[in-house]
Every structure is written in structure tokens, then in C-alpha cells.
C-alpha atoms as a PDB file:
ATOM      1  CA  MET A   1       3.600  -5.883  10.242  1.00  0.00           C
ATOM      2  CA  LYS A   2       4.853  -8.702   8.033  1.00  0.00           C
ATOM      3  CA  MET A   3       4.067  -8.342   4.346  1.00  0.00           C
ATOM      4  CA  ALA A   4       4.452 -10.548   1.282  1.00  0.00           C
ATOM      5  CA  VAL A   5       4.497 -10.259  -2.488  1.00  0.00           C
ATOM      6  CA  ILE A   6       3.217 -13.064  -4.695  1.00  0.00           C
ATOM      7  CA  GLY A   7       4.821 -12.809  -8.113  1.00  0.00           C
ATOM      8  CA  GLY A   8       2.802 -13.952 -11.103  1.00  0.00           C
ATOM      9  CA  THR A   9       3.788 -14.358 -14.750  1.00  0.00           C
ATOM     10  CA  GLY A  10       6.905 -12.340 -15.510  1.00  0.00           C
ATOM     11  CA  VAL A  11       7.594 -11.498 -11.862  1.00  0.00           C
ATOM     12  CA  TYR A  12       9.931 -14.270 -10.812  1.00  0.00           C
ATOM     13  CA  ASP A  13      13.062 -12.634  -9.428  1.00  0.00           C
ATOM     14  CA  PRO A  14      13.327 -11.655  -5.738  1.00  0.00           C
ATOM     15  CA  SER A  15      16.611  -9.774  -6.318  1.00  0.00           C
ATOM     16  CA  TRP A  16      14.886  -6.466  -5.469  1.00  0.00           C
ATOM     17  CA  LEU A  17      15.068  -7.704  -1.863  1.00  0.00           C
ATOM     18  CA  SER A  18      18.471  -7.365  -0.195  1.00  0.00           C
ATOM     19  CA  HIS A  19      20.012 -10.043   2.019  1.00  0.00           C
ATOM     20  CA  SER A  20      17.434 -12.502   0.698  1.00  0.00           C
ATOM     21  CA  VAL A  21      17.162 -16.079   1.931  1.00  0.00           C
ATOM     22  CA  GLU A  22      14.991 -18.835   0.457  1.00  0.00           C
ATOM     23  CA  GLN A  23      13.285 -21.287   2.751  1.00  0.00           C
ATOM     24  CA  GLU A  24      11.043 -24.317   2.461  1.00  0.00           C
ATOM     25  CA  VAL A  25       7.759 -24.200   4.365  1.00  0.00           C
ATOM     26  CA  GLU A  26       5.743 -27.297   5.258  1.00  0.00           C
ATOM     27  CA  THR A  27       1.985 -26.827   5.494  1.00  0.00           C
ATOM     28  CA  PRO A  28      -1.028 -29.151   5.942  1.00  0.00           C
ATOM     29  CA  PHE A  29      -1.511 -28.810   2.164  1.00  0.00           C
ATOM     30  CA  GLY A  30       2.004 -29.496   0.957  1.00  0.00           C
ATOM     31  CA  VAL A  31       5.448 -27.927   0.814  1.00  0.00           C
ATOM     32  CA  THR A  32       6.143 -24.567  -0.785  1.00  0.00           C
ATOM     33  CA  ARG A  33       9.089 -22.187  -1.034  1.00  0.00           C
ATOM     34  CA  VAL A  34       9.338 -18.591   0.155  1.00  0.00           C
ATOM     35  CA  THR A  35      12.133 -16.004  -0.039  1.00  0.00           C
ATOM     36  CA  HIS A  36      12.489 -13.312   2.601  1.00  0.00           C
ATOM     37  CA  GLY A  37      14.708 -10.249   2.616  1.00  0.00           C
ATOM     38  CA  ARG A  38      14.952  -6.544   3.309  1.00  0.00           C
ATOM     39  CA  LEU A  39      13.329  -3.620   1.485  1.00  0.00           C
ATOM     40  CA  ASP A  40      14.178   0.038   2.047  1.00  0.00           C
ATOM     41  CA  GLY A  41      11.621   1.763   4.230  1.00  0.00           C
ATOM     42  CA  VAL A  42      10.131  -1.437   5.646  1.00  0.00           C
ATOM     43  CA  ASP A  43      11.015  -2.351   9.228  1.00  0.00           C
ATOM     44  CA  ASP A  44      10.468  -6.121   9.011  1.00  0.00           C
ATOM     45  CA  ASP A  45      11.476  -8.694   6.399  1.00  0.00           C
ATOM     46  CA  VAL A  46       9.373  -8.823   3.242  1.00  0.00           C
ATOM     47  CA  PHE A  47       8.434 -12.246   1.902  1.00  0.00           C
ATOM     48  CA  PHE A  48       8.354 -13.144  -1.798  1.00  0.00           C
ATOM     49  CA  MET A  49       6.632 -16.146  -3.348  1.00  0.00           C
ATOM     50  CA  ASN A  50       6.897 -17.223  -6.981  1.00  0.00           C
ATOM     51  CA  ARG A  51       3.373 -18.422  -7.799  1.00  0.00           C
ATOM     52  CA  HIS A  52       4.368 -20.507 -10.822  1.00  0.00           C
ATOM     53  CA  GLY A  53       7.542 -22.011  -9.384  1.00  0.00           C
ATOM     54  CA  ALA A  54      11.093 -21.857 -10.701  1.00  0.00           C
ATOM     55  CA  GLY A  55      11.157 -21.439 -14.464  1.00  0.00           C
ATOM     56  CA  HIS A  56       7.375 -20.992 -14.656  1.00  0.00           C
ATOM     57  CA  THR A  57       6.865 -24.758 -14.416  1.00  0.00           C
ATOM     58  CA  VAL A  58       3.452 -24.762 -12.692  1.00  0.00           C
ATOM     59  CA  PRO A  59       0.401 -23.867 -14.815  1.00  0.00           C
ATOM     60  CA  PRO A  60      -2.355 -21.761 -13.243  1.00  0.00           C
ATOM     61  CA  HIS A  61      -4.817 -24.608 -12.708  1.00  0.00           C
ATOM     62  CA  LEU A  62      -2.206 -26.674 -10.830  1.00  0.00           C
ATOM     63  CA  VAL A  63      -0.786 -24.007  -8.493  1.00  0.00           C
ATOM     64  CA  ASN A  64      -1.034 -25.174  -4.875  1.00  0.00           C
ATOM     65  CA  TYR A  65      -2.863 -22.045  -3.752  1.00  0.00           C
ATOM     66  CA  ARG A  66      -3.756 -23.469  -0.341  1.00  0.00           C
ATOM     67  CA  ALA A  67      -0.150 -24.331   0.527  1.00  0.00           C
ATOM     68  CA  ASN A  68       1.027 -20.902  -0.662  1.00  0.00           C
ATOM     69  CA  ILE A  69      -1.470 -18.849   1.320  1.00  0.00           C
ATOM     70  CA  TRP A  70      -1.247 -21.079   4.403  1.00  0.00           C
ATOM     71  CA  ALA A  71       2.551 -20.780   4.369  1.00  0.00           C
ATOM     72  CA  LEU A  72       2.367 -16.973   4.401  1.00  0.00           C
ATOM     73  CA  HIS A  73      -0.187 -17.089   7.210  1.00  0.00           C
ATOM     74  CA  GLN A  74       2.027 -19.553   9.109  1.00  0.00           C
ATOM     75  CA  LEU A  75       4.974 -17.151   8.762  1.00  0.00           C
ATOM     76  CA  GLY A  76       2.951 -14.351  10.345  1.00  0.00           C
ATOM     77  CA  VAL A  77       2.225 -12.372   7.185  1.00  0.00           C
ATOM     78  CA  LYS A  78      -0.739  -9.979   7.497  1.00  0.00           C
ATOM     79  CA  ARG A  79      -0.697  -8.175   4.131  1.00  0.00           C
ATOM     80  CA  VAL A  80      -0.219  -9.688   0.672  1.00  0.00           C
ATOM     81  CA  VAL A  81       0.327  -7.891  -2.637  1.00  0.00           C
ATOM     82  CA  ALA A  82      -0.211 -10.201  -5.599  1.00  0.00           C
ATOM     83  CA  THR A  83       0.746  -9.473  -9.188  1.00  0.00           C
ATOM     84  CA  ALA A  84      -1.071 -10.873 -12.210  1.00  0.00           C
ATOM     85  CA  ALA A  85      -0.730 -10.583 -15.977  1.00  0.00           C
ATOM     86  CA  VAL A  86      -4.193 -10.027 -17.453  1.00  0.00           C
ATOM     87  CA  GLY A  87      -6.000  -9.360 -20.681  1.00  0.00           C
ATOM     88  CA  SER A  88      -8.297  -6.357 -20.896  1.00  0.00           C
ATOM     89  CA  LEU A  89     -12.035  -6.565 -21.592  1.00  0.00           C
ATOM     90  CA  ASN A  90     -12.351  -2.826 -21.097  1.00  0.00           C
ATOM     91  CA  VAL A  91     -11.014  -0.595 -23.874  1.00  0.00           C
ATOM     92  CA  ALA A  92     -10.358   2.107 -21.241  1.00  0.00           C
ATOM     93  CA  MET A  93      -7.784  -0.235 -19.638  1.00  0.00           C
ATOM     94  CA  ALA A  94      -5.087  -0.389 -22.299  1.00  0.00           C
ATOM     95  CA  PRO A  95      -1.965  -2.583 -22.277  1.00  0.00           C
ATOM     96  CA  GLY A  96       0.484  -1.236 -19.713  1.00  0.00           C
ATOM     97  CA  THR A  97      -2.261  -0.152 -17.302  1.00  0.00           C
ATOM     98  CA  PHE A  98      -2.137  -1.282 -13.660  1.00  0.00           C
ATOM     99  CA  VAL A  99      -5.617  -2.280 -12.446  1.00  0.00           C
ATOM    100  CA  LEU A 100      -6.195  -2.602  -8.691  1.00  0.00           C
ATOM    101  CA  CYS A 101      -9.047  -5.072  -8.579  1.00  0.00           C
ATOM    102  CA  ASP A 102     -11.962  -4.595  -6.189  1.00  0.00           C
ATOM    103  CA  GLN A 103     -14.272  -7.426  -7.344  1.00  0.00           C
ATOM    104  CA  PHE A 104     -13.999 -10.762  -9.130  1.00  0.00           C
ATOM    105  CA  LEU A 105     -16.018 -13.279 -11.146  1.00  0.00           C
ATOM    106  CA  ASP A 106     -15.042 -16.930 -10.710  1.00  0.00           C
ATOM    107  CA  PHE A 107     -15.162 -19.292 -13.690  1.00  0.00           C
ATOM    108  CA  THR A 108     -12.662 -21.833 -12.385  1.00  0.00           C
ATOM    109  CA  LYS A 109     -13.737 -25.479 -12.354  1.00  0.00           C
ATOM    110  CA  SER A 110     -11.407 -27.935 -10.665  1.00  0.00           C
ATOM    111  CA  ARG A 111      -9.398 -26.130  -7.994  1.00  0.00           C
ATOM    112  CA  ALA A 112      -9.263 -26.655  -4.246  1.00  0.00           C
ATOM    113  CA  ALA A 113     -10.983 -23.369  -3.442  1.00  0.00           C
ATOM    114  CA  THR A 114     -11.342 -23.303   0.351  1.00  0.00           C
ATOM    115  CA  PHE A 115      -9.718 -24.306   3.616  1.00  0.00           C
ATOM    116  CA  HIS A 116     -13.147 -25.063   5.084  1.00  0.00           C
ATOM    117  CA  ASN A 117     -14.002 -28.611   4.067  1.00  0.00           C
ATOM    118  CA  GLY A 118     -15.272 -29.648   7.483  1.00  0.00           C
ATOM    119  CA  GLY A 119     -13.281 -31.667  10.018  1.00  0.00           C
ATOM    120  CA  ASP A 120     -10.565 -29.746  11.831  1.00  0.00           C
ATOM    121  CA  PHE A 121     -11.028 -26.756   9.497  1.00  0.00           C
ATOM    122  CA  GLY A 122     -14.773 -26.506  10.123  1.00  0.00           C
ATOM    123  CA  VAL A 123     -17.556 -25.254   7.907  1.00  0.00           C
ATOM    124  CA  VAL A 124     -17.350 -21.479   7.465  1.00  0.00           C
ATOM    125  CA  HIS A 125     -19.197 -19.288   4.970  1.00  0.00           C
ATOM    126  CA  THR A 126     -16.801 -16.396   4.456  1.00  0.00           C
ATOM    127  CA  ASP A 127     -18.194 -12.989   3.540  1.00  0.00           C
ATOM    128  CA  MET A 128     -16.778 -11.730   0.235  1.00  0.00           C
ATOM    129  CA  THR A 129     -18.476  -8.338   0.003  1.00  0.00           C
ATOM    130  CA  VAL A 130     -15.066  -6.649   0.083  1.00  0.00           C
ATOM    131  CA  PRO A 131     -12.665  -9.306  -1.258  1.00  0.00           C
ATOM    132  CA  TYR A 132      -9.696  -6.963  -1.798  1.00  0.00           C
ATOM    133  CA  CYS A 133      -8.314  -4.772   0.980  1.00  0.00           C
ATOM    134  CA  PRO A 134      -9.337  -1.130   0.387  1.00  0.00           C
ATOM    135  CA  ASP A 135      -6.456   0.259   2.460  1.00  0.00           C
ATOM    136  CA  MET A 136      -3.925  -1.620   0.368  1.00  0.00           C
ATOM    137  CA  ARG A 137      -5.552  -0.518  -2.870  1.00  0.00           C
ATOM    138  CA  SER A 138      -5.399   3.099  -1.713  1.00  0.00           C
ATOM    139  CA  ALA A 139      -1.688   2.878  -0.833  1.00  0.00           C
ATOM    140  CA  ILE A 140      -0.813   1.143  -4.100  1.00  0.00           C
ATOM    141  CA  ALA A 141      -2.828   3.681  -6.104  1.00  0.00           C
ATOM    142  CA  ARG A 142      -0.897   6.521  -4.468  1.00  0.00           C
ATOM    143  CA  ALA A 143       2.396   4.787  -5.237  1.00  0.00           C
ATOM    144  CA  GLY A 144       1.315   4.291  -8.850  1.00  0.00           C
ATOM    145  CA  ARG A 145       0.397   7.940  -9.281  1.00  0.00           C
ATOM    146  CA  HIS A 146       3.678   8.998  -7.670  1.00  0.00           C
ATOM    147  CA  ALA A 147       5.549   6.801 -10.175  1.00  0.00           C
ATOM    148  CA  GLY A 148       3.624   8.295 -13.105  1.00  0.00           C
ATOM    149  CA  ILE A 149       2.115   4.928 -14.077  1.00  0.00           C
ATOM    150  CA  SER A 150      -1.426   4.623 -15.424  1.00  0.00           C
ATOM    151  CA  THR A 151      -3.202   3.059 -12.426  1.00  0.00           C
ATOM    152  CA  VAL A 152      -6.927   2.324 -12.156  1.00  0.00           C
ATOM    153  CA  ASP A 153      -8.254   1.920  -8.596  1.00  0.00           C
ATOM    154  CA  GLY A 154     -11.054  -0.593  -9.054  1.00  0.00           C
ATOM    155  CA  GLY A 155     -11.899  -3.262 -11.597  1.00  0.00           C
ATOM    156  CA  CYS A 156     -13.531  -6.679 -11.858  1.00  0.00           C
ATOM    157  CA  TYR A 157     -11.123  -9.596 -12.365  1.00  0.00           C
ATOM    158  CA  VAL A 158     -12.597 -12.549 -14.293  1.00  0.00           C
ATOM    159  CA  THR A 159     -10.780 -15.755 -13.363  1.00  0.00           C
ATOM    160  CA  THR A 160     -10.841 -18.584 -15.903  1.00  0.00           C
ATOM    161  CA  GLU A 161      -9.543 -22.114 -15.470  1.00  0.00           C
ATOM    162  CA  GLY A 162      -6.855 -22.058 -18.151  1.00  0.00           C
ATOM    163  CA  PRO A 163      -4.290 -22.893 -19.217  1.00  0.00           C
ATOM    164  CA  ARG A 164      -5.894 -22.088 -22.593  1.00  0.00           C
ATOM    165  CA  PHE A 165      -6.854 -18.541 -23.490  1.00  0.00           C
ATOM    166  CA  GLU A 166     -10.518 -17.610 -23.708  1.00  0.00           C
ATOM    167  CA  THR A 167     -12.681 -17.606 -26.840  1.00  0.00           C
ATOM    168  CA  PRO A 168     -14.137 -14.362 -28.231  1.00  0.00           C
ATOM    169  CA  ALA A 169     -17.604 -15.641 -27.261  1.00  0.00           C
ATOM    170  CA  GLU A 170     -16.507 -16.135 -23.654  1.00  0.00           C
ATOM    171  CA  ILE A 171     -14.948 -12.668 -23.561  1.00  0.00           C
ATOM    172  CA  LYS A 172     -18.185 -11.164 -24.885  1.00  0.00           C
ATOM    173  CA  ALA A 173     -20.110 -12.918 -22.090  1.00  0.00           C
ATOM    174  CA  TYR A 174     -17.673 -11.790 -19.411  1.00  0.00           C
ATOM    175  CA  ARG A 175     -17.962  -8.194 -20.612  1.00  0.00           C
ATOM    176  CA  LEU A 176     -21.755  -8.381 -20.373  1.00  0.00           C
ATOM    177  CA  LEU A 177     -21.383  -9.611 -16.785  1.00  0.00           C
ATOM    178  CA  GLY A 178     -19.237  -6.627 -15.833  1.00  0.00           C
ATOM    179  CA  GLY A 179     -15.717  -8.010 -16.151  1.00  0.00           C
ATOM    180  CA  ASP A 180     -12.856  -5.604 -16.787  1.00  0.00           C
ATOM    181  CA  VAL A 181      -9.794  -7.870 -16.947  1.00  0.00           C
ATOM    182  CA  VAL A 182      -9.317 -11.604 -17.372  1.00  0.00           C
ATOM    183  CA  GLY A 183      -6.666 -13.923 -15.976  1.00  0.00           C
ATOM    184  CA  MET A 184      -6.162 -17.428 -14.621  1.00  0.00           C
ATOM    185  CA  THR A 185      -4.833 -17.036 -11.062  1.00  0.00           C
ATOM    186  CA  GLY A 186      -7.085 -14.583  -9.194  1.00  0.00           C
ATOM    187  CA  VAL A 187      -9.247 -17.306  -7.644  1.00  0.00           C
ATOM    188  CA  PRO A 188      -8.919 -19.103  -5.284  1.00  0.00           C
ATOM    189  CA  GLU A 189      -5.955 -17.024  -4.083  1.00  0.00           C
ATOM    190  CA  VAL A 190      -8.066 -14.043  -3.026  1.00  0.00           C
ATOM    191  CA  VAL A 191     -10.668 -16.322  -1.397  1.00  0.00           C
ATOM    192  CA  LEU A 192      -8.097 -18.238   0.637  1.00  0.00           C
ATOM    193  CA  ALA A 193      -6.461 -15.022   1.819  1.00  0.00           C
ATOM    194  CA  ARG A 194      -9.859 -13.727   2.898  1.00  0.00           C
ATOM    195  CA  GLU A 195     -10.624 -16.954   4.762  1.00  0.00           C
ATOM    196  CA  LEU A 196      -7.454 -16.539   6.824  1.00  0.00           C
ATOM    197  CA  GLY A 197      -8.065 -12.860   7.511  1.00  0.00           C
ATOM    198  CA  LEU A 198      -5.167 -11.560   5.420  1.00  0.00           C
ATOM    199  CA  CYS A 199      -5.241  -8.173   3.760  1.00  0.00           C
ATOM    200  CA  TYR A 200      -4.908  -8.960   0.062  1.00  0.00           C
ATOM    201  CA  SER A 201      -4.611  -6.807  -3.044  1.00  0.00           C
ATOM    202  CA  THR A 202      -3.998  -7.655  -6.691  1.00  0.00           C
ATOM    203  CA  ILE A 203      -2.055  -5.472  -9.096  1.00  0.00           C
ATOM    204  CA  ALA A 204      -3.329  -6.694 -12.457  1.00  0.00           C
ATOM    205  CA  LEU A 205      -0.965  -5.566 -15.212  1.00  0.00           C
ATOM    206  CA  VAL A 206      -2.752  -5.428 -18.560  1.00  0.00           C
ATOM    207  CA  THR A 207      -0.569  -7.116 -21.184  1.00  0.00           C
ATOM    208  CA  ASN A 208      -3.038  -7.273 -24.088  1.00  0.00           C
ATOM    209  CA  TYR A 209      -6.646  -6.876 -25.149  1.00  0.00           C
ATOM    210  CA  ALA A 210      -8.581 -10.132 -24.789  1.00  0.00           C
ATOM    211  CA  ALA A 211      -9.693 -12.391 -27.658  1.00  0.00           C
ATOM    212  CA  GLY A 212     -12.144 -10.743 -30.011  1.00  0.00           C
ATOM    213  CA  ILE A 213     -11.011  -7.302 -28.873  1.00  0.00           C
ATOM    214  CA  ALA A 214      -7.372  -7.691 -29.865  1.00  0.00           C
ATOM    215  CA  ALA A 215      -6.585  -7.378 -33.554  1.00  0.00           C
ATOM    216  CA  ASP A 216      -4.234 -10.381 -33.539  1.00  0.00           C
ATOM    217  CA  VAL A 217      -4.170 -13.930 -32.186  1.00  0.00           C
ATOM    218  CA  LEU A 218      -2.969 -14.032 -28.583  1.00  0.00           C
ATOM    219  CA  THR A 219       0.325 -15.655 -27.583  1.00  0.00           C
ATOM    220  CA  HIS A 220       1.984 -16.307 -24.248  1.00  0.00           C
ATOM    221  CA  GLN A 221       5.139 -14.667 -25.585  1.00  0.00           C
ATOM    222  CA  GLU A 222       3.211 -11.426 -26.028  1.00  0.00           C
ATOM    223  CA  VAL A 223       2.285 -11.561 -22.365  1.00  0.00           C
ATOM    224  CA  LEU A 224       5.902 -12.158 -21.341  1.00  0.00           C
ATOM    225  CA  ASP A 225       7.162  -9.345 -23.559  1.00  0.00           C
ATOM    226  CA  VAL A 226       4.789  -6.745 -22.113  1.00  0.00           C
ATOM    227  CA  MET A 227       5.496  -7.909 -18.564  1.00  0.00           C
ATOM    228  CA  ALA A 228       9.231  -7.553 -19.204  1.00  0.00           C
ATOM    229  CA  GLN A 229       8.682  -3.979 -20.373  1.00  0.00           C
ATOM    230  CA  ASN A 230       6.719  -3.100 -17.238  1.00  0.00           C
ATOM    231  CA  VAL A 231       8.248  -5.223 -14.472  1.00  0.00           C
ATOM    232  CA  ALA A 232      10.612  -2.480 -13.283  1.00  0.00           C
ATOM    233  CA  GLY A 233       7.689  -0.096 -12.875  1.00  0.00           C
ATOM    234  CA  LEU A 234       5.694  -2.792 -11.107  1.00  0.00           C
ATOM    235  CA  ARG A 235       8.485  -3.408  -8.617  1.00  0.00           C
ATOM    236  CA  GLY A 236       8.803   0.339  -8.084  1.00  0.00           C
ATOM    237  CA  VAL A 237       5.115   0.680  -7.273  1.00  0.00           C
ATOM    238  CA  ILE A 238       5.275  -2.216  -4.803  1.00  0.00           C
ATOM    239  CA  ALA A 239       8.411  -0.786  -3.181  1.00  0.00           C
ATOM    240  CA  GLY A 240       6.657   2.560  -2.883  1.00  0.00           C
ATOM    241  CA  ALA A 241       3.473   1.076  -1.423  1.00  0.00           C
ATOM    242  CA  LEU A 242       4.812  -1.344   1.204  1.00  0.00           C
ATOM    243  CA  PRO A 243       6.346   1.311   3.482  1.00  0.00           C
ATOM    244  CA  ARG A 244       2.897   2.974   3.574  1.00  0.00           C
ATOM    245  CA  LEU A 245       1.316  -0.250   4.861  1.00  0.00           C
ATOM    246  CA  GLN A 246       3.184  -0.868   8.109  1.00  0.00           C
ATOM    247  CA  HIS A 247       0.504   0.675  10.321  1.00  0.00           C
ATOM    248  CA  ASP A 248      -2.054  -1.330  12.291  1.00  0.00           C
ATOM    249  CA  ARG A 249      -4.936  -2.646  10.231  1.00  0.00           C
ATOM    250  CA  LEU A 250      -8.170  -0.644  10.309  1.00  0.00           C
ATOM    251  CA  CYS A 251      -9.727  -2.164   7.180  1.00  0.00           C
ATOM    252  CA  GLY A 252     -11.862  -4.990   8.570  1.00  0.00           C
ATOM    253  CA  CYS A 253      -9.988  -7.757   6.729  1.00  0.00           C
ATOM    254  CA  GLY A 254      -8.920  -9.517   9.917  1.00  0.00           C
ATOM    255  CA  PRO A 255     -10.099 -12.941  11.093  1.00  0.00           C
ATOM    256  CA  ASP A 256     -12.834 -11.536  13.341  1.00  0.00           C
ATOM    257  CA  ALA A 257     -14.714 -10.488  10.207  1.00  0.00           C
ATOM    258  CA  GLN A 258     -14.688 -13.948   8.631  1.00  0.00           C
ATOM    259  CA  GLN A 259     -17.316 -15.845  10.604  1.00  0.00           C
END
């Protein structure tokens, strides 16, 4: 059972994998880079992908999500754990909390959001009733509790286009619609993984309260600082969860469920 981790803001370093090797992967949607290596308790190699590229040079609206997800699929990956730095719309989800998303709201505008544009890739209307793998969420939640980290199993991820932060008026609207956390990378990544039948789960690490809820003006440095404080715990939770996810899939995320 091949598994992968997609590192978001603040999660750039694959050094937690031993004997790691970086490779370039060509896909129908462009070239991307993947690192693979060993993790204690996992029988096969674990793959790591830096979503924003070396040195955080790729902003969220320009990430080549299709190349990234296709590359993992091409390498035989079946389960993907993604990390994301998010702002909280829910006062019960304080900075430092890990939120395991189970739903999303999409407010992106200009991204290539599907593999199914006709032609060789066909026209497919993918069911998104359960966008995030429940088995993966359960395993990650157990690992979070074992590590003593505040972990919420379930939450609605609002994806905005970025790269700007949201206005207080937008945050108020998202809260009324049921959003819990807000970030800029959740979609189309989760959609593309679902289209290819991959099990996919997001660990959204709350770095701040969103605009209008926070007392101060938001800065990207604040996000980086909180991620730096929590990245060791995040890696520990992932390392604790992956060995629990080597069994055959019984969750219904596979390709047979996508038509």
C-alpha cells in the first residue's frame, strides 16, 4: 500500500524519511518532483511532495495540482495525507488545533479543477458526498489523541483563491455558510484525488483566527511562526498514522466509486 504526504506551508523538509531520494516525474500535465524514502513501521516507501516547491516559490493559485496528483497516481500511491495551514472561523478551533476536514466549500476562480475535460479523459461527474477518506481521518485522529495534540475529527474547509487573505466580510459569509477553517490549497487537490480514486485526507493546522475574528492584522510570517512551533507534532501524528493505514481499502474511495 503506497502512501504519500503532501506538505503545505511550513512543511517543506522530507528529512523525516530515511534513505530519501528525489525524483522528477513527467505527467500529461507537466513535470513535478517527488521524494521517496523509508518510515519506521511502514513496509513500502513513503512519498513526499512539497506543494509550493523549493523555497515556497509557487503561490497557491499557481500550484500545478493536476501534475502533482497525477504523479502520485502514476507512482502507484493509493493514500494521500495532505497538510495545510489554515485560519479558523470557529472559535472552538483555536490556533494549534489539528482539524481533519470532512467537507469543503470551493471559492476558487481560475484553477484547472478536473482531469475530465473530454477527449481522452472523458466526461465524468464525480460524486463528492464523502470527499475525504473516513478511514484515514479515523487513523489520524487516533494518532493525534495518542500524541496528546488537540485534534478535531471533522470540519468544513473553505478554499479561497488567494494569494491575498480574506476580508472580514468574506469570513462572516463563510461562517454563515458553515465553514470552520479557511485556506487556499484545499481545492482542487481533494477533487483531483477523488477523481483518480485515491484515499485523501487533510490535516488542517490552525495557525490563526481569520480576519475579523483575530484581534490583529494577519501576516504570512504569523502563519510560518505557528507552523514552525507545531511542525514536529504534525510529523509525529503523520508518522503515527501511516503504519495504521497499510491494510486493504474498505472505505469506498477507489475508482469503482467514481463513475
